[in-house]
Protein backbone atom coordinates (compact mmCIF):
# COMPACT_ATOMS: atom_id res chain seq x y z
CA MET A 1 158.67 133.31 38.16
CA GLY A 2 155.12 132.06 38.35
CA SER A 3 154.36 128.56 37.11
CA GLN A 4 150.88 129.47 35.92
CA VAL A 5 149.91 129.51 32.27
CA HIS A 6 150.80 132.88 30.79
CA ALA A 7 147.93 135.33 30.47
CA ASP A 8 146.84 136.93 27.23
CA ILE A 9 148.58 140.30 27.48
CA THR A 10 148.54 143.26 25.12
CA ILE A 11 150.53 146.37 25.94
CA TYR A 12 149.48 149.70 24.48
CA THR A 13 152.69 151.66 24.33
CA ASN A 14 155.02 154.10 22.71
CA GLN A 15 158.65 153.10 22.93
CA ARG A 16 159.85 156.70 23.29
CA CYS A 17 157.92 157.12 26.53
CA PRO A 18 159.92 156.51 29.74
CA PHE A 19 156.77 155.54 31.60
CA ALA A 20 155.88 152.88 29.04
CA HIS A 21 159.52 151.76 29.29
CA ARG A 22 158.80 150.71 32.89
CA ALA A 23 156.28 148.14 31.71
CA HIS A 24 158.57 146.86 28.96
CA ILE A 25 161.44 146.31 31.40
CA THR A 26 159.10 144.36 33.66
CA LEU A 27 157.74 142.20 30.84
CA GLU A 28 161.23 141.46 29.52
CA GLU A 29 162.78 140.68 32.89
CA LEU A 30 159.93 138.36 33.88
CA GLY A 31 159.95 136.67 30.47
CA ILE A 32 156.25 137.28 29.91
CA PRO A 33 155.00 136.93 26.33
CA PHE A 34 152.87 139.82 25.11
CA LYS A 35 151.38 141.51 22.09
CA GLU A 36 152.09 145.16 21.40
CA GLU A 37 150.09 148.03 19.97
CA ILE A 38 151.91 151.30 19.34
CA ILE A 39 150.08 154.49 20.32
CA ASP A 40 151.08 157.62 18.40
CA LEU A 41 151.76 160.30 21.00
CA ASP A 42 152.18 163.04 18.39
CA THR A 43 148.55 162.98 17.30
CA PRO A 44 145.22 163.07 19.15
CA ARG A 45 144.32 159.69 20.62
CA THR A 46 141.86 157.62 18.66
CA PRO A 47 138.37 157.01 20.03
CA GLU A 48 139.28 153.32 20.19
CA TYR A 49 142.22 153.97 22.50
CA LEU A 50 140.30 156.42 24.65
CA LYS A 51 137.84 153.61 25.35
CA ILE A 52 140.76 151.58 26.67
CA ASN A 53 142.31 154.45 28.63
CA PRO A 54 140.20 157.61 28.83
CA ARG A 55 143.27 159.57 29.96
CA GLY A 56 144.98 158.73 26.68
CA LEU A 57 148.26 157.89 28.39
CA VAL A 58 150.67 155.00 27.93
CA PRO A 59 151.24 152.37 29.02
CA SER A 60 148.01 150.45 29.36
CA ILE A 61 147.76 146.69 29.34
CA SER A 62 144.98 144.29 28.62
CA TYR A 63 145.41 141.27 30.91
CA ASN A 64 142.96 138.53 29.93
CA GLY A 65 140.62 141.32 28.88
CA GLU A 66 141.03 143.40 32.04
CA ILE A 67 142.50 146.88 31.49
CA ILE A 68 145.22 148.16 33.81
CA THR A 69 146.72 151.65 33.48
CA GLU A 70 149.44 153.85 35.01
CA SER A 71 153.03 152.70 34.64
CA ALA A 72 153.95 151.95 38.26
CA ILE A 73 150.66 150.12 38.78
CA VAL A 74 151.14 148.10 35.60
CA ALA A 75 154.69 147.13 36.58
CA GLN A 76 153.72 146.12 40.11
CA PHE A 77 150.67 144.21 38.88
CA LEU A 78 152.82 142.15 36.51
CA ALA A 79 155.39 141.55 39.25
CA ASP A 80 152.62 140.34 41.57
CA ALA A 81 151.18 138.11 38.86
CA TYR A 82 154.62 136.52 38.30
CA PRO A 83 156.36 136.59 41.73
CA SER A 84 160.13 136.16 41.68
CA THR A 85 163.27 137.87 42.93
CA PHE A 86 162.07 140.83 40.84
CA LEU A 87 159.51 141.49 43.59
CA PRO A 88 158.97 139.03 46.46
CA ALA A 89 155.37 138.12 47.19
CA SER A 90 153.84 139.93 50.15
CA SER A 91 153.37 136.50 51.76
CA ASP A 92 157.14 135.95 51.69
CA PRO A 93 158.58 136.60 55.19
CA LYS A 94 160.85 139.29 53.75
CA GLY A 95 158.32 140.46 51.18
CA PRO A 96 156.63 143.37 52.97
CA LEU A 97 159.93 145.01 53.94
CA VAL A 98 161.49 144.58 50.49
CA ARG A 99 158.37 145.99 48.86
CA ALA A 100 158.36 148.97 51.22
CA ARG A 101 162.03 149.68 50.46
CA ILE A 102 161.41 149.50 46.71
CA ASN A 103 158.38 151.78 46.90
CA PHE A 104 160.31 154.31 48.97
CA PHE A 105 163.22 154.27 46.51
CA ALA A 106 160.95 154.82 43.50
CA ASP A 107 158.98 157.52 45.29
CA THR A 108 162.18 159.30 46.33
CA TRP A 109 163.41 159.36 42.74
CA SER A 110 160.07 160.64 41.44
CA SER A 111 159.61 163.33 44.09
CA LYS A 112 163.18 164.49 44.72
CA ILE A 113 165.16 163.92 41.50
CA GLN A 114 162.73 163.86 38.62
CA PRO A 115 161.55 167.49 38.98
CA HIS A 116 165.12 168.74 38.45
CA LEU A 117 165.65 166.55 35.39
CA PHE A 118 162.33 167.49 33.83
CA LYS A 119 163.20 171.14 34.37
CA LEU A 120 166.50 170.66 32.53
CA ILE A 121 164.90 168.95 29.54
CA TYR A 122 161.40 170.37 29.36
CA ARG A 123 162.30 173.97 30.22
CA ALA A 124 165.69 173.89 28.50
CA PRO A 125 167.45 176.50 30.66
CA SER A 126 170.88 177.65 29.56
CA GLY A 127 174.03 179.06 31.08
CA SER A 128 174.06 179.69 34.80
CA GLU A 129 170.43 178.62 35.21
CA ALA A 130 171.13 175.19 33.68
CA GLU A 131 174.16 174.81 35.93
CA GLU A 132 172.10 175.73 38.99
CA VAL A 133 169.39 173.18 38.16
CA ALA A 134 172.01 170.50 37.43
CA GLN A 135 173.74 171.09 40.74
CA GLY A 136 170.38 170.91 42.48
CA ALA A 137 169.78 167.51 40.88
CA ALA A 138 173.24 166.30 41.91
CA ALA A 139 172.73 167.45 45.49
CA GLU A 140 169.44 165.57 45.74
CA VAL A 141 170.95 162.36 44.32
CA ILE A 142 173.81 162.61 46.82
CA LYS A 143 171.48 163.29 49.75
CA GLU A 144 168.46 161.14 48.93
CA ILE A 145 169.44 158.33 46.53
CA GLU A 146 173.06 157.55 47.38
CA PRO A 147 172.30 156.16 50.88
CA LEU A 148 169.55 153.92 49.49
CA LEU A 149 172.04 152.16 47.22
CA ASP A 150 174.68 151.32 49.82
CA THR A 151 173.83 147.61 49.60
CA ALA A 152 173.40 147.41 45.80
CA ALA A 153 175.22 144.34 44.47
CA PRO A 154 174.93 145.46 41.74
CA PHE A 155 171.15 145.98 41.89
CA PHE A 156 168.85 147.36 44.53
CA GLY A 157 168.84 145.77 47.98
CA GLY A 158 171.83 143.54 47.31
CA SER A 159 170.15 141.68 44.45
CA ASP A 160 172.26 140.20 41.68
CA LYS A 161 169.22 140.41 39.41
CA LEU A 162 167.11 143.33 38.27
CA THR A 163 164.26 144.26 40.63
CA LEU A 164 161.10 146.33 40.43
CA ALA A 165 163.15 149.23 41.82
CA GLU A 166 165.20 149.28 38.64
CA ALA A 167 162.15 148.85 36.41
CA LEU A 168 160.55 151.95 37.92
CA VAL A 169 163.64 154.17 37.83
CA ALA A 170 165.87 152.83 35.03
CA PRO A 171 163.95 154.51 32.16
CA PHE A 172 164.90 157.89 33.60
CA VAL A 173 168.44 156.91 34.57
CA VAL A 174 169.33 155.59 31.12
CA ARG A 175 167.95 158.77 29.54
CA LEU A 176 169.91 160.86 32.02
CA PHE A 177 173.20 159.31 30.91
CA THR A 178 172.19 159.43 27.25
CA TRP A 179 171.48 163.16 27.49
CA ALA A 180 174.85 163.70 29.16
CA LYS A 181 176.67 161.67 26.52
CA HIS A 182 175.22 163.88 23.80
CA GLY A 183 175.86 167.17 25.58
CA LEU A 184 172.24 167.87 26.47
CA LEU A 185 173.00 168.19 30.19
CA PRO A 186 175.84 170.02 31.95
CA ALA A 187 178.95 167.83 32.26
CA SER A 188 179.43 169.07 35.82
CA LEU A 189 176.38 167.07 36.93
CA PHE A 190 178.05 163.75 36.12
CA GLU A 191 181.49 164.77 37.29
CA ARG A 192 180.00 165.47 40.70
CA LEU A 193 177.90 162.30 40.78
CA GLU A 194 180.86 160.09 39.90
CA LYS A 195 182.89 161.68 42.69
CA GLU A 196 180.28 162.19 45.42
CA ALA A 197 177.69 159.48 44.69
CA PRO A 198 179.76 156.35 43.95
CA ASN A 199 176.98 153.96 44.94
CA PHE A 200 174.58 155.62 42.53
CA TYR A 201 177.14 155.88 39.74
CA LYS A 202 178.15 152.21 39.98
CA TRP A 203 174.50 151.10 40.17
CA ALA A 204 173.60 153.25 37.17
CA GLN A 205 176.36 151.66 35.07
CA ALA A 206 174.93 148.20 35.79
CA VAL A 207 171.39 149.38 35.06
CA ASN A 208 172.29 151.12 31.82
CA LYS A 209 173.78 148.01 30.22
CA HIS A 210 171.16 145.49 31.34
CA PRO A 211 169.44 143.70 28.41
CA SER A 212 165.94 144.16 29.86
CA VAL A 213 166.53 147.91 30.16
CA LEU A 214 167.90 148.14 26.63
CA SER A 215 165.32 145.84 25.02
CA ILE A 216 163.29 148.66 23.45
CA TYR A 217 165.63 151.58 24.09
CA LYS A 218 166.73 153.36 20.93
CA GLU A 219 169.30 155.97 21.91
CA ASP A 220 169.29 157.79 18.57
CA VAL A 221 165.50 158.15 18.63
CA ILE A 222 165.54 159.51 22.18
CA VAL A 223 168.32 161.98 21.40
CA ASP A 224 166.63 163.20 18.23
CA ALA A 225 163.29 163.70 19.98
CA THR A 226 164.94 165.51 22.90
CA LYS A 227 166.90 167.84 20.63
CA LYS A 228 163.73 168.72 18.73
CA ARG A 229 161.90 169.40 21.99
CA ILE A 230 164.68 171.67 23.26
CA ALA A 231 164.87 173.54 19.93
CA LYS A 232 161.12 174.10 20.01
CA LEU A 233 161.25 175.40 23.58
CA LYS A 234 164.06 177.81 22.76
CA ALA A 235 162.22 179.04 19.66
CA GLU A 236 159.20 179.88 21.80
CA VAL A 237 161.18 182.05 24.22
């Protein structure tokens, strides 16, 4: 971790949001002190917040008065400001390659896996359609993610500590397993992943119990919000 004096950091967040969760994992894992302002995502954004982030999204951070937005950018900025095993500096001999591997992993999850999961939760299909989407998600994890975790020990790239790769993907992984636990996703998805994606499944177990991942994660709140969203979607059909 960096030896510099800690910056004055305020995070504008909502702890239900998986994207804001990325920034919280990073702050916790790097041991960075911060102030927090909760943004209500169920009401129109205030004029004050729109001055901070005109898009109205979370997270945003104020870093010594400078505003930084977009979750992946916020997480990487903090990792660069406090270099450690979480993300090696680009000047480190191994830094550029490690950073490229992490970016590819996070991009693969976002582009190949996330669309299936969002379809399951935000479209709330049922019956054979839900099973088809779930199997599509499993197939993509097996094909795209499983090979990228062959050196996990237990974390990405053989690290024994959490890395930026986990910070960027863990918010979605922990929700994935929470939804399965509460019957919000087809059980067949996880039966297949445990059998055919052992690297991913083992890595996910380590991620899902890590203190930095769980620091703001309230399972009951996430489940309640997801059930309400699904009920609303089904009522609109």
